N, C-alpha and C. Protein backbone atom coordinates (compact mmCIF):
# COMPACT_ATOMS: atom_id res chain seq x y z
N MET A 1 10.68 -13.02 -3.51
CA MET A 1 11.01 -12.19 -2.10
C MET A 1 9.53 -12.37 -1.23
N LYS A 2 9.36 -12.63 -0.17
CA LYS A 2 8.27 -12.58 0.54
C LYS A 2 7.56 -11.75 0.65
N ILE A 3 6.15 -11.35 0.58
CA ILE A 3 5.51 -9.97 1.03
C ILE A 3 4.62 -9.98 2.09
N VAL A 4 4.74 -9.28 3.14
CA VAL A 4 4.21 -9.50 4.49
C VAL A 4 3.23 -8.07 4.62
N TRP A 5 1.94 -8.27 4.91
CA TRP A 5 1.16 -7.25 5.23
C TRP A 5 1.25 -6.63 6.85
N SER A 6 1.42 -5.60 6.99
CA SER A 6 1.29 -4.99 8.65
C SER A 6 -0.20 -5.24 8.85
N PRO A 7 -0.66 -5.29 10.09
CA PRO A 7 -1.79 -5.37 10.33
C PRO A 7 -2.76 -3.84 10.33
N LEU A 8 -2.02 -2.76 10.63
CA LEU A 8 -2.33 -1.47 10.14
C LEU A 8 -2.46 -1.31 8.26
N ALA A 9 -1.92 -2.16 7.68
CA ALA A 9 -2.19 -2.04 5.89
C ALA A 9 -3.43 -3.03 5.92
N VAL A 10 -3.66 -3.63 6.65
CA VAL A 10 -4.52 -4.93 6.48
C VAL A 10 -6.19 -4.15 6.87
N GLU A 11 -5.92 -3.34 8.08
CA GLU A 11 -6.90 -2.79 8.52
C GLU A 11 -7.10 -1.59 7.40
N ARG A 12 -6.34 -0.72 7.06
CA ARG A 12 -6.83 0.43 6.07
C ARG A 12 -7.40 -0.20 4.48
N ALA A 13 -6.94 -1.29 4.44
CA ALA A 13 -7.40 -1.82 3.05
C ALA A 13 -8.80 -2.04 3.38
N SER A 14 -9.11 -3.28 4.32
CA SER A 14 -10.61 -3.52 4.83
C SER A 14 -11.60 -1.91 5.02
N GLU A 15 -11.42 -0.97 5.40
CA GLU A 15 -11.65 0.23 5.79
C GLU A 15 -12.06 0.65 4.70
N ILE A 16 -11.29 0.97 3.50
CA ILE A 16 -11.34 1.63 2.15
C ILE A 16 -12.17 0.54 1.52
N VAL A 17 -12.41 -0.87 1.50
CA VAL A 17 -13.03 -1.60 0.53
C VAL A 17 -14.77 -1.51 1.41
N ASP A 18 -14.76 -1.34 2.79
CA ASP A 18 -15.88 -1.21 3.32
C ASP A 18 -16.41 0.60 3.03
N TYR A 19 -15.75 1.40 2.67
CA TYR A 19 -16.35 2.71 2.34
C TYR A 19 -16.62 2.72 0.58
N ILE A 20 -16.11 2.10 0.04
CA ILE A 20 -16.56 1.90 -1.43
C ILE A 20 -17.72 1.01 -1.94
N ALA A 21 -17.68 -0.16 -1.14
CA ALA A 21 -18.93 -1.05 -1.16
C ALA A 21 -20.17 -0.07 -0.65
N GLN A 22 -20.11 0.63 0.07
CA GLN A 22 -21.39 1.37 0.62
C GLN A 22 -22.02 1.61 -0.86
N ASP A 23 -21.52 2.21 -1.63
CA ASP A 23 -22.69 2.61 -2.69
C ASP A 23 -22.21 1.64 -4.10
N LYS A 24 -20.72 1.03 -4.29
CA LYS A 24 -20.81 -0.24 -5.27
C LYS A 24 -19.83 -1.35 -4.89
N LEU A 25 -20.77 -2.13 -4.60
CA LEU A 25 -19.96 -3.65 -4.13
C LEU A 25 -18.94 -3.72 -5.51
N LEU A 26 -19.38 -3.98 -6.40
CA LEU A 26 -18.60 -4.58 -7.57
C LEU A 26 -16.93 -3.69 -7.64
N ALA A 27 -17.33 -2.44 -6.97
CA ALA A 27 -16.36 -1.60 -7.71
C ALA A 27 -15.38 -1.77 -6.36
N ALA A 28 -15.55 -2.25 -5.07
CA ALA A 28 -14.54 -2.60 -3.89
C ALA A 28 -14.18 -3.94 -4.27
N ASP A 29 -14.92 -5.01 -4.91
CA ASP A 29 -14.09 -5.95 -5.21
C ASP A 29 -13.16 -5.97 -6.39
N GLN A 30 -13.15 -4.76 -7.14
CA GLN A 30 -12.29 -4.78 -7.96
C GLN A 30 -11.25 -4.10 -7.65
N TRP A 31 -11.33 -2.89 -6.95
CA TRP A 31 -10.46 -2.45 -6.09
C TRP A 31 -9.33 -2.91 -5.19
N ILE A 32 -9.97 -4.12 -4.48
CA ILE A 32 -8.93 -4.90 -3.46
C ILE A 32 -8.30 -5.61 -4.23
N HIS A 33 -8.84 -5.95 -5.71
CA HIS A 33 -8.50 -7.45 -6.32
C HIS A 33 -7.18 -6.68 -7.35
N THR A 34 -7.31 -5.54 -7.42
CA THR A 34 -6.09 -4.63 -8.10
C THR A 34 -5.23 -4.47 -7.30
N VAL A 35 -5.43 -3.93 -6.11
CA VAL A 35 -4.48 -3.70 -5.12
C VAL A 35 -3.67 -5.05 -4.86
N PHE A 36 -4.02 -5.94 -4.58
CA PHE A 36 -3.27 -7.21 -4.52
C PHE A 36 -2.58 -7.64 -5.35
N SER A 37 -2.94 -7.08 -6.96
CA SER A 37 -2.28 -7.45 -7.87
C SER A 37 -1.09 -6.73 -8.24
N LYS A 38 -1.48 -5.50 -7.85
CA LYS A 38 0.17 -4.38 -7.86
C LYS A 38 1.08 -4.90 -6.62
N VAL A 39 0.77 -4.86 -5.54
CA VAL A 39 1.35 -5.70 -4.62
C VAL A 39 2.35 -6.73 -5.09
N GLU A 40 1.42 -7.80 -5.75
CA GLU A 40 2.21 -8.94 -5.85
C GLU A 40 3.32 -8.83 -6.97
N GLN A 41 3.20 -7.40 -7.72
CA GLN A 41 4.10 -7.15 -8.71
C GLN A 41 5.46 -6.79 -8.23
N LEU A 42 5.47 -6.56 -6.64
CA LEU A 42 6.37 -6.31 -6.14
C LEU A 42 7.83 -7.49 -5.83
N ARG A 43 7.07 -8.56 -5.72
CA ARG A 43 7.80 -9.80 -5.54
C ARG A 43 9.01 -9.54 -6.56
N SER A 44 8.59 -9.40 -7.93
CA SER A 44 9.83 -9.28 -9.09
C SER A 44 10.60 -8.31 -8.70
N ASN A 45 9.48 -7.14 -8.41
CA ASN A 45 10.41 -5.68 -9.29
C ASN A 45 10.11 -5.10 -7.62
N PRO A 46 10.53 -5.29 -6.81
CA PRO A 46 10.70 -3.93 -5.62
C PRO A 46 10.86 -2.93 -5.50
N GLU A 47 11.70 -2.39 -6.65
CA GLU A 47 11.58 -0.95 -6.83
C GLU A 47 10.67 -0.49 -8.23
N ILE A 48 9.93 -0.69 -8.03
CA ILE A 48 8.85 -0.28 -8.95
C ILE A 48 8.03 0.94 -8.44
N GLY A 49 8.05 1.00 -7.40
CA GLY A 49 7.27 2.08 -6.76
C GLY A 49 8.23 3.49 -6.42
N ARG A 50 7.68 4.51 -6.39
CA ARG A 50 8.36 5.91 -6.03
C ARG A 50 8.94 5.81 -4.71
N ILE A 51 10.13 6.15 -4.17
CA ILE A 51 10.39 6.81 -3.19
C ILE A 51 9.43 7.86 -2.46
N VAL A 52 9.18 7.42 -1.06
CA VAL A 52 8.01 8.23 -0.45
C VAL A 52 8.65 9.61 -0.27
N PRO A 53 7.95 10.36 -1.20
CA PRO A 53 8.74 11.70 -0.52
C PRO A 53 8.99 12.55 0.33
N GLU A 54 7.94 12.27 1.55
CA GLU A 54 7.81 12.77 2.89
C GLU A 54 9.58 12.53 3.57
N ILE A 55 9.68 11.07 3.23
CA ILE A 55 10.87 10.46 3.77
C ILE A 55 12.05 10.34 3.01
N ASN A 56 12.17 10.26 1.76
CA ASN A 56 13.31 10.31 0.94
C ASN A 56 14.27 9.17 1.27
N GLU A 57 13.92 8.13 1.59
CA GLU A 57 14.47 7.00 2.06
C GLU A 57 14.64 6.00 0.71
N ARG A 58 15.65 5.14 0.16
CA ARG A 58 15.57 4.44 -0.96
C ARG A 58 14.62 3.43 -0.86
N GLN A 59 14.57 2.79 0.34
CA GLN A 59 14.00 1.34 1.16
C GLN A 59 12.49 1.91 0.80
N LEU A 60 12.10 2.90 1.34
CA LEU A 60 10.47 3.24 1.87
C LEU A 60 10.04 3.85 0.54
N ARG A 61 9.03 2.84 -0.19
CA ARG A 61 8.19 3.34 -1.44
C ARG A 61 7.01 3.37 -1.48
N GLU A 62 6.38 3.46 -2.83
CA GLU A 62 5.19 3.77 -2.45
C GLU A 62 4.39 3.27 -4.06
N LEU A 63 3.63 2.45 -3.88
CA LEU A 63 2.92 2.24 -5.07
C LEU A 63 1.56 3.31 -5.22
N ILE A 64 1.27 3.89 -6.48
CA ILE A 64 0.17 4.76 -6.72
C ILE A 64 -0.79 4.16 -7.33
N TYR A 65 -1.98 3.91 -7.00
CA TYR A 65 -3.35 3.30 -7.48
C TYR A 65 -4.33 4.40 -7.08
N GLY A 66 -5.13 4.80 -8.30
CA GLY A 66 -6.12 5.77 -8.28
C GLY A 66 -5.68 6.83 -7.27
N ASN A 67 -6.54 7.16 -6.25
CA ASN A 67 -6.23 8.00 -5.33
C ASN A 67 -5.51 7.52 -4.20
N TYR A 68 -4.86 6.31 -3.94
CA TYR A 68 -4.11 5.63 -3.21
C TYR A 68 -2.84 5.70 -3.23
N ARG A 69 -2.14 5.30 -1.97
CA ARG A 69 -0.61 5.51 -1.61
C ARG A 69 -0.35 4.21 -0.94
N ILE A 70 -0.29 2.83 -1.65
CA ILE A 70 0.59 1.90 -0.79
C ILE A 70 1.98 2.05 -0.39
N ILE A 71 1.99 2.01 0.86
CA ILE A 71 3.42 2.34 1.26
C ILE A 71 4.05 0.98 1.61
N TYR A 72 5.10 0.79 1.48
CA TYR A 72 5.80 -0.37 1.37
C TYR A 72 7.57 -0.27 1.98
N HIS A 73 8.03 -1.15 2.66
CA HIS A 73 9.49 -0.94 2.82
C HIS A 73 10.25 -2.04 2.35
N ILE A 74 11.06 -1.86 1.66
CA ILE A 74 11.91 -3.28 0.93
C ILE A 74 13.02 -3.36 1.98
N GLU A 75 13.00 -4.93 2.60
CA GLU A 75 13.85 -5.54 3.21
C GLU A 75 14.75 -6.52 2.48
N THR A 76 15.93 -7.29 3.45
CA THR A 76 16.65 -7.97 2.55
C THR A 76 15.71 -9.28 1.97
N LYS A 77 15.04 -9.78 2.75
CA LYS A 77 14.37 -10.77 2.35
C LYS A 77 12.69 -10.81 2.01
N GLN A 78 12.68 -9.53 2.31
CA GLN A 78 10.61 -9.14 2.53
C GLN A 78 10.63 -8.13 2.14
N ILE A 79 9.50 -7.81 1.48
CA ILE A 79 8.75 -6.37 1.45
C ILE A 79 7.66 -6.63 2.59
N SER A 80 7.44 -5.32 3.23
CA SER A 80 6.72 -5.16 3.97
C SER A 80 5.59 -3.93 3.61
N ILE A 81 4.12 -4.56 3.74
CA ILE A 81 3.27 -3.47 3.44
C ILE A 81 2.77 -2.51 4.57
N LEU A 82 3.24 -1.64 4.49
CA LEU A 82 2.83 -0.71 5.96
C LEU A 82 1.58 0.07 6.23
N THR A 83 1.10 0.39 4.65
CA THR A 83 -0.28 1.32 5.02
C THR A 83 -0.78 1.35 4.04
N ILE A 84 -1.69 2.01 3.96
CA ILE A 84 -2.44 2.23 2.41
C ILE A 84 -3.31 3.60 2.76
N ARG A 85 -2.92 4.82 2.01
CA ARG A 85 -3.57 5.93 2.55
C ARG A 85 -4.18 6.68 1.07
N HIS A 86 -5.01 7.25 1.51
CA HIS A 86 -5.56 8.14 0.41
C HIS A 86 -4.50 9.55 -0.05
N GLY A 87 -4.22 9.52 -1.26
CA GLY A 87 -3.50 10.79 -1.09
C GLY A 87 -3.41 12.25 -1.04
N LYS A 88 -4.95 12.42 -0.50
CA LYS A 88 -4.89 13.90 0.08
C LYS A 88 -4.94 13.85 1.96
N GLN A 89 -4.85 12.46 2.10
CA GLN A 89 -4.62 12.78 3.57
C GLN A 89 -3.01 12.71 3.85
N ILE A 90 -2.63 13.64 5.31
CA ILE A 90 -1.01 13.76 5.55
C ILE A 90 -1.10 12.24 6.13
N LEU A 91 0.49 11.52 5.68
CA LEU A 91 0.80 10.76 6.09
C LEU A 91 1.87 10.69 7.53
N PRO A 92 1.16 9.92 8.55
CA PRO A 92 1.86 10.24 9.67
C PRO A 92 2.93 9.35 9.35
N ILE A 93 3.70 9.96 10.08
CA ILE A 93 5.32 9.26 10.03
C ILE A 93 5.10 7.80 10.85
N ASP A 94 4.39 7.82 11.87
CA ASP A 94 4.27 6.78 12.32
C ASP A 94 3.76 5.39 12.06
N GLU A 95 3.22 5.59 11.18
CA GLU A 95 2.51 4.52 10.33
C GLU A 95 3.49 4.10 9.14
N ILE A 96 4.45 4.82 9.22
CA ILE A 96 5.55 4.30 7.86
C ILE A 96 6.90 3.70 8.66
N LYS A 97 7.03 4.08 10.06
CA LYS A 97 8.58 3.23 10.45
C LYS A 97 8.27 1.64 10.44
N ALA A 98 9.52 1.19 9.97
CA ALA A 98 9.65 -0.08 9.60
C ALA A 98 10.13 -0.91 10.85
């Protein structure tokens, strides 16, 4: 299954890495490496994430990594990574419309 990152998800991941790197460059490197590893697991098992509680649609799921939510949408032939948000942030609905 193909994995496609939205521009917003790439932007969010970059912002988070930049923020972490301000204090700990190695931690930022490890964080993004782990995010990509977790997302790669979706290729063979797309339903490992839980259903996003705010939406409650089977195809809209999230992986939890530390304090972050990796929101994705399962489609017929691809998985779309929609956004990454800190768990304490409100999840704007316009960020997860697939």
